[in-house]
Amino acid sequence: MAVDRTERLLNLVLCLLGAERPVTRSLLHAAVPGYADAASDDAFERMFERDKEELRGMGVPIHTVVTSAGEVEGYRIDVGDYAMPELSFTAQEVTVLGLAARAWSDAALSAPATAALRKVEAVAGLRGDVPGTSWRDASRTPGESELPVLWEAIRTRHVVTFDYRALGDVEPTPREVHPWATVRWQGAWYLAGWNRRRQAERVYRLSRITGSVRLLPDNFDPVDPGDARALVQRLGQPEPEGVALIRLPGRAGASLRERGDEQPDGLITVSFTDGDQLISEVLASGGVVVEPAELRERTREHLRRVVERHRGDGVDA
């Protein structure tokens, strides 16, 4: 059975790491599972060069050992260069890592992020939710669940399609986009890209995407979008929909506090361009909308739908 590339790279690292002396190419050819599948010696040479450069690009210190005559004797990995130093984290640093892992609670990286956090906690002897710290909530904002799909599309240069409700639209309409980059700006995520139907640069706020982002089978040619953040700032700044008065508990809602102005009575005024986005942020922070009345009623309706959904699942709400 053929050995896949990841397994071959791991086998190469283990072979070089466990050797007392430099390992020659011929020995690697015979000893590392996967290299024997090469069609010829030249094919093995190309495969080994690619693997060596990829591992070095990942930070694995593969050293080329040269004799006094200038000939390559072999290759090795110094254990001291490869081994990780002892981990040491303060309670505050572990808390920040916990907030970062929580931010991916509903995304594709949830399991790896949580597993990594638990390993760090085990080494540090601390928990990531240390009580009494002053760190504010880092809850996930609307639209973040689409980030893994968009990142994959950006990496593979696949065209994406999604339904989008622009500011002022009653119903969402479909878009076909060459995704260039994602940017987090002013508390929200944006996609910068090329609208294939409009034949123009466009910026899309992820919270306004209805449904899921889907990859199309066709690819687009690589382009240099330049400064994607500048593009988002230039095209992604709609006129504010209004100003809301909100109440937040404790130190929750860091992004809302940064964008708003705290009043003497503890309430916060914050401008918003997307009422639904603001409602999601406020509720995720455990807060309430005080004004305007229309937005407060939409918040209540949102909560009513949540209660009804839980009742439908047999939960006593």
Protein backbone atom coordinates (compact mmCIF):
# COMPACT_ATOMS: atom_id res chain seq x y z
CA MET A 1 0.00 0.00 0.00
CA ALA A 2 1.33 3.43 -0.97
CA VAL A 3 2.48 5.73 1.81
CA ASP A 4 0.87 9.16 1.77
CA ARG A 5 2.94 12.34 1.81
CA THR A 6 2.29 13.30 5.42
CA GLU A 7 3.33 9.87 6.67
CA ARG A 8 6.45 9.98 4.48
CA LEU A 9 7.48 13.36 5.93
CA LEU A 10 6.99 12.06 9.46
CA ASN A 11 9.03 8.94 8.68
CA LEU A 12 11.84 11.12 7.31
CA VAL A 13 11.91 13.23 10.48
CA LEU A 14 11.97 10.14 12.72
CA CYS A 15 14.76 8.57 10.69
CA LEU A 16 16.98 11.66 10.85
CA LEU A 17 16.13 12.47 14.46
CA GLY A 18 17.04 9.04 15.80
CA ALA A 19 20.34 8.68 13.93
CA GLU A 20 23.65 8.96 15.78
CA ARG A 21 25.54 9.77 12.57
CA PRO A 22 24.59 11.60 9.33
CA VAL A 23 22.25 9.49 7.19
CA THR A 24 23.16 9.13 3.52
CA ARG A 25 20.67 9.50 0.67
CA SER A 26 21.01 5.85 -0.27
CA LEU A 27 20.17 4.77 3.27
CA LEU A 28 17.18 7.13 3.35
CA HIS A 29 16.02 5.69 0.03
CA ALA A 30 16.03 2.22 1.54
CA ALA A 31 14.89 3.03 5.08
CA VAL A 32 12.12 5.62 4.78
CA PRO A 33 8.73 4.10 3.84
CA GLY A 34 7.43 5.80 0.72
CA TYR A 35 10.73 6.42 -1.05
CA ALA A 36 10.83 2.88 -2.40
CA ASP A 37 7.66 3.72 -4.38
CA ALA A 38 9.62 6.19 -6.52
CA ALA A 39 9.70 5.12 -10.18
CA SER A 40 13.44 5.77 -10.54
CA ASP A 41 16.49 7.14 -8.73
CA ASP A 42 15.86 10.54 -10.31
CA ALA A 43 12.26 10.45 -9.08
CA PHE A 44 13.51 9.65 -5.55
CA GLU A 45 15.99 12.56 -5.73
CA ARG A 46 13.23 15.00 -6.69
CA MET A 47 10.91 13.62 -4.01
CA PHE A 48 13.58 13.87 -1.31
CA GLU A 49 14.51 17.45 -2.28
CA ARG A 50 10.87 18.51 -2.11
CA ASP A 51 10.40 16.82 1.26
CA LYS A 52 13.60 18.35 2.66
CA GLU A 53 12.68 21.87 1.61
CA GLU A 54 9.11 21.52 2.86
CA LEU A 55 10.25 20.34 6.28
CA ARG A 56 12.75 23.18 6.51
CA GLY A 57 9.96 25.58 5.57
CA MET A 58 7.96 24.19 8.50
CA GLY A 59 10.86 24.92 10.85
CA VAL A 60 12.37 21.42 11.05
CA PRO A 61 16.18 21.94 11.26
CA ILE A 62 17.53 19.41 8.73
CA HIS A 63 21.31 19.88 8.58
CA THR A 64 23.43 18.88 5.59
CA VAL A 65 26.71 17.40 6.84
CA VAL A 66 29.64 18.01 4.48
CA THR A 67 33.06 16.30 4.61
CA SER A 68 36.39 18.16 4.59
CA ALA A 69 36.57 17.45 0.85
CA GLY A 70 33.30 19.31 0.30
CA GLU A 71 31.19 16.20 -0.39
CA VAL A 72 27.79 15.64 1.21
CA GLU A 73 28.15 12.97 3.86
CA GLY A 74 24.50 12.86 4.84
CA TYR A 75 21.73 14.56 6.77
CA ARG A 76 20.71 14.83 10.41
CA ILE A 77 18.40 16.64 12.79
CA ASP A 78 19.97 17.92 15.98
CA VAL A 79 17.74 17.00 18.91
CA GLY A 80 18.64 20.20 20.73
CA ASP A 81 17.54 22.33 17.78
CA TYR A 82 14.35 20.34 17.22
CA ALA A 83 13.06 19.90 20.78
CA MET A 84 10.61 22.47 22.16
CA PRO A 85 11.72 24.50 25.17
CA GLU A 86 9.87 24.05 28.44
CA LEU A 87 6.49 25.80 28.30
CA SER A 88 5.72 28.39 30.94
CA PHE A 89 2.53 30.50 31.02
CA THR A 90 1.07 32.93 33.51
CA ALA A 91 -2.58 32.70 34.52
CA GLN A 92 -3.39 35.70 32.32
CA GLU A 93 -1.65 34.14 29.28
CA VAL A 94 -3.58 30.89 29.67
CA THR A 95 -6.79 32.91 29.95
CA VAL A 96 -6.05 34.65 26.65
CA LEU A 97 -5.45 31.26 25.02
CA GLY A 98 -8.78 30.11 26.44
CA LEU A 99 -10.56 33.11 24.92
CA ALA A 100 -8.93 32.39 21.56
CA ALA A 101 -10.09 28.78 21.66
CA ARG A 102 -13.60 29.88 22.67
CA ALA A 103 -13.74 32.21 19.66
CA TRP A 104 -13.66 29.10 17.45
CA SER A 105 -16.40 27.33 19.42
CA ASP A 106 -18.63 26.75 16.39
CA ALA A 107 -16.03 26.71 13.62
CA ALA A 108 -14.07 23.92 11.96
CA LEU A 109 -11.06 24.49 14.24
CA SER A 110 -13.05 23.93 17.44
CA ALA A 111 -11.67 20.46 18.26
CA PRO A 112 -7.98 21.20 17.50
CA ALA A 113 -8.13 24.52 19.37
CA THR A 114 -9.69 22.91 22.45
CA ALA A 115 -7.25 19.98 22.38
CA ALA A 116 -4.27 22.35 22.15
CA LEU A 117 -5.61 24.45 25.03
CA ARG A 118 -6.05 21.40 27.27
CA LYS A 119 -2.42 20.33 26.60
CA VAL A 120 -1.16 23.81 27.49
CA GLU A 121 -3.26 23.78 30.67
CA ALA A 122 -1.83 20.39 31.62
CA VAL A 123 1.75 21.63 31.23
CA ALA A 124 1.14 24.99 32.91
CA GLY A 125 -1.00 23.55 35.71
CA LEU A 126 -3.58 26.30 35.15
CA ARG A 127 -7.06 26.57 33.63
CA GLY A 128 -7.92 28.89 30.74
CA ASP A 129 -10.96 30.29 32.57
CA VAL A 130 -9.16 31.68 35.60
CA PRO A 131 -11.71 33.53 37.77
CA GLY A 132 -11.12 37.13 38.73
CA THR A 133 -9.25 38.13 35.58
CA SER A 134 -10.11 41.32 33.72
CA TRP A 135 -10.18 39.80 30.24
CA ARG A 136 -13.30 40.60 28.28
CA ASP A 137 -15.44 38.13 26.37
CA ALA A 138 -14.23 37.10 22.91
CA SER A 139 -17.42 35.51 21.62
CA ARG A 140 -17.73 34.59 17.97
CA THR A 141 -19.30 37.24 15.72
CA PRO A 142 -21.90 36.45 13.01
CA GLY A 143 -20.39 35.14 9.79
CA GLU A 144 -17.27 33.60 11.35
CA SER A 145 -18.55 30.08 10.69
CA GLU A 146 -17.96 30.72 6.96
CA LEU A 147 -14.28 31.60 7.44
CA PRO A 148 -12.85 28.05 7.03
CA VAL A 149 -14.66 27.62 3.70
CA LEU A 150 -13.50 31.03 2.49
CA TRP A 151 -9.90 30.37 3.53
CA GLU A 152 -9.94 27.08 1.62
CA ALA A 153 -11.34 28.87 -1.44
CA ILE A 154 -8.66 31.58 -1.18
CA ARG A 155 -5.92 28.95 -0.85
CA THR A 156 -7.14 26.85 -3.81
CA ARG A 157 -8.38 29.86 -5.87
CA HIS A 158 -11.91 28.46 -6.19
CA VAL A 159 -14.80 30.71 -7.13
CA VAL A 160 -17.44 30.90 -4.38
CA THR A 161 -21.15 31.62 -4.48
CA PHE A 162 -23.47 32.77 -1.70
CA ASP A 163 -26.70 34.68 -1.12
CA TYR A 164 -26.09 38.19 0.14
CA ARG A 165 -28.37 40.84 1.59
CA ALA A 166 -26.79 44.24 1.00
CA LEU A 167 -27.68 47.24 3.15
CA GLY A 168 -31.20 48.35 2.19
CA ASP A 169 -32.11 45.09 0.40
CA VAL A 170 -35.30 43.33 1.42
CA GLU A 171 -34.28 39.93 0.02
CA PRO A 172 -30.82 38.42 -0.50
CA THR A 173 -29.50 37.91 -4.03
CA PRO A 174 -26.83 35.48 -5.28
CA ARG A 175 -23.20 36.48 -5.74
CA GLU A 176 -20.33 34.76 -7.55
CA VAL A 177 -16.99 35.96 -6.25
CA HIS A 178 -13.25 35.40 -6.73
CA PRO A 179 -12.21 35.47 -3.04
CA TRP A 180 -8.98 37.40 -2.45
CA ALA A 181 -8.71 37.93 1.30
CA THR A 182 -10.67 38.10 4.55
CA VAL A 183 -10.24 41.08 6.87
CA ARG A 184 -11.51 41.77 10.38
CA TRP A 185 -12.34 45.44 10.69
CA GLN A 186 -14.31 47.41 13.28
CA GLY A 187 -15.55 44.27 15.01
CA ALA A 188 -16.78 42.47 11.86
CA TRP A 189 -15.37 40.12 9.21
CA TYR A 190 -15.28 41.13 5.54
CA LEU A 191 -14.46 39.33 2.30
CA ALA A 192 -12.58 41.29 -0.38
CA GLY A 193 -12.81 39.91 -3.90
CA TRP A 194 -13.91 40.24 -7.51
CA ASN A 195 -17.60 40.07 -8.41
CA ARG A 196 -17.69 37.94 -11.54
CA ARG A 197 -21.05 39.22 -12.75
CA ARG A 198 -20.34 42.89 -12.06
CA GLN A 199 -16.71 42.62 -13.19
CA ALA A 200 -15.62 44.84 -10.33
CA GLU A 201 -13.92 44.81 -6.93
CA ARG A 202 -16.36 44.24 -4.12
CA VAL A 203 -16.35 43.89 -0.32
CA TYR A 204 -18.87 41.70 1.53
CA ARG A 205 -19.66 41.74 5.21
CA LEU A 206 -19.87 38.11 6.35
CA SER A 207 -22.77 38.76 8.72
CA ARG A 208 -24.91 39.66 5.68
CA ILE A 209 -24.35 36.30 3.98
CA THR A 210 -27.55 34.23 4.04
CA GLY A 211 -27.05 30.48 4.22
CA SER A 212 -23.66 28.96 3.48
CA VAL A 213 -20.75 29.79 1.22
CA ARG A 214 -20.38 27.17 -1.53
CA LEU A 215 -17.31 26.40 -3.64
CA LEU A 216 -17.81 26.27 -7.40
CA PRO A 217 -15.76 23.80 -9.50
CA ASP A 218 -14.02 26.49 -11.56
CA ASN A 219 -10.85 28.31 -10.49
CA PHE A 220 -9.69 31.88 -11.05
CA ASP A 221 -6.25 33.14 -12.05
CA PRO A 222 -4.02 34.34 -9.19
CA VAL A 223 -4.08 38.10 -8.66
CA ASP A 224 -2.39 40.54 -6.30
CA PRO A 225 -5.24 42.35 -4.52
CA GLY A 226 -2.83 44.81 -2.95
CA ASP A 227 -3.80 46.10 0.48
CA ALA A 228 -6.98 44.16 1.24
CA ARG A 229 -7.58 46.13 4.44
CA ALA A 230 -7.45 49.42 2.51
CA LEU A 231 -9.93 47.95 0.03
CA VAL A 232 -12.31 47.02 2.85
CA GLN A 233 -11.99 50.49 4.39
CA ARG A 234 -12.68 52.10 1.02
CA LEU A 235 -15.62 49.94 -0.09
CA GLY A 236 -16.96 48.48 3.14
CA GLN A 237 -18.01 51.63 4.99
CA PRO A 238 -21.77 52.08 4.55
CA GLU A 239 -23.69 54.92 6.15
CA PRO A 240 -24.66 54.13 9.76
CA GLU A 241 -28.17 52.76 10.15
CA GLY A 242 -28.52 54.42 13.51
CA VAL A 243 -27.28 54.79 17.08
CA ALA A 244 -28.29 52.36 19.82
CA LEU A 245 -28.24 52.60 23.60
CA ILE A 246 -27.22 49.30 25.18
CA ARG A 247 -26.44 47.85 28.61
CA LEU A 248 -23.61 45.33 29.04
CA PRO A 249 -22.85 43.24 32.14
CA GLY A 250 -19.50 43.54 33.90
CA ARG A 251 -16.63 43.75 31.41
CA ALA A 252 -18.35 41.80 28.65
CA GLY A 253 -18.62 43.00 25.07
CA ALA A 254 -15.08 44.26 24.47
CA SER A 255 -15.67 45.07 20.80
CA LEU A 256 -18.88 46.98 21.56
CA ARG A 257 -17.19 48.97 24.32
CA GLU A 258 -14.31 49.91 22.04
CA ARG A 259 -16.68 51.18 19.33
CA GLY A 260 -19.11 52.90 21.69
CA ASP A 261 -19.19 55.70 24.25
CA GLU A 262 -19.92 54.88 27.88
CA GLN A 263 -22.42 57.19 29.56
CA PRO A 264 -22.36 58.34 33.22
CA ASP A 265 -25.21 55.91 34.03
CA GLY A 266 -23.21 52.95 32.70
CA LEU A 267 -25.14 52.61 29.44
CA ILE A 268 -23.25 52.63 26.15
CA THR A 269 -24.12 54.40 22.90
CA VAL A 270 -22.85 52.69 19.76
CA SER A 271 -23.39 53.41 16.06
CA PHE A 272 -24.43 50.45 13.92
CA THR A 273 -24.77 49.72 10.22
CA ASP A 274 -26.48 46.35 10.65
CA GLY A 275 -29.21 45.98 13.27
CA ASP A 276 -29.11 42.17 13.23
CA GLN A 277 -25.33 42.21 13.67
CA LEU A 278 -25.65 44.52 16.67
CA ILE A 279 -28.38 42.37 18.23
CA SER A 280 -26.20 39.26 17.88
CA GLU A 281 -23.23 40.99 19.48
CA VAL A 282 -25.26 42.38 22.37
CA LEU A 283 -26.98 39.06 23.13
CA ALA A 284 -23.70 37.13 22.84
CA SER A 285 -22.27 39.49 25.48
CA GLY A 286 -25.24 38.97 27.80
CA GLY A 287 -26.46 42.55 27.31
CA VAL A 288 -29.74 44.20 26.35
CA VAL A 289 -30.76 46.86 23.83
CA VAL A 290 -32.42 49.84 25.54
CA GLU A 291 -33.02 52.11 22.53
CA PRO A 292 -34.23 52.52 19.84
CA ALA A 293 -37.60 50.88 20.49
CA GLU A 294 -37.68 49.17 17.06
CA LEU A 295 -34.33 47.49 17.70
CA ARG A 296 -35.37 46.56 21.24
CA GLU A 297 -38.49 44.85 19.86
CA ARG A 298 -36.41 42.96 17.27
CA THR A 299 -34.20 41.77 20.12
CA ARG A 300 -37.24 40.50 22.02
CA GLU A 301 -38.49 38.73 18.90
CA HIS A 302 -35.12 37.08 18.49
CA LEU A 303 -35.23 35.84 22.09
CA ARG A 304 -38.81 34.59 21.61
CA ARG A 305 -37.67 32.52 18.64
CA VAL A 306 -34.86 31.06 20.74
CA VAL A 307 -37.32 30.10 23.48
CA GLU A 308 -39.70 28.50 20.97
CA ARG A 309 -36.86 26.54 19.41
CA HIS A 310 -35.82 25.13 22.79
CA ARG A 311 -39.40 24.23 23.58
CA GLY A 312 -39.59 22.36 20.29
CA ASP A 313 -36.53 20.36 21.35
CA GLY A 314 -38.27 19.29 24.53
CA VAL A 315 -36.34 21.69 26.76
CA ASP A 316 -38.18 23.50 29.54
CA ALA A 317 -37.40 27.12 28.71
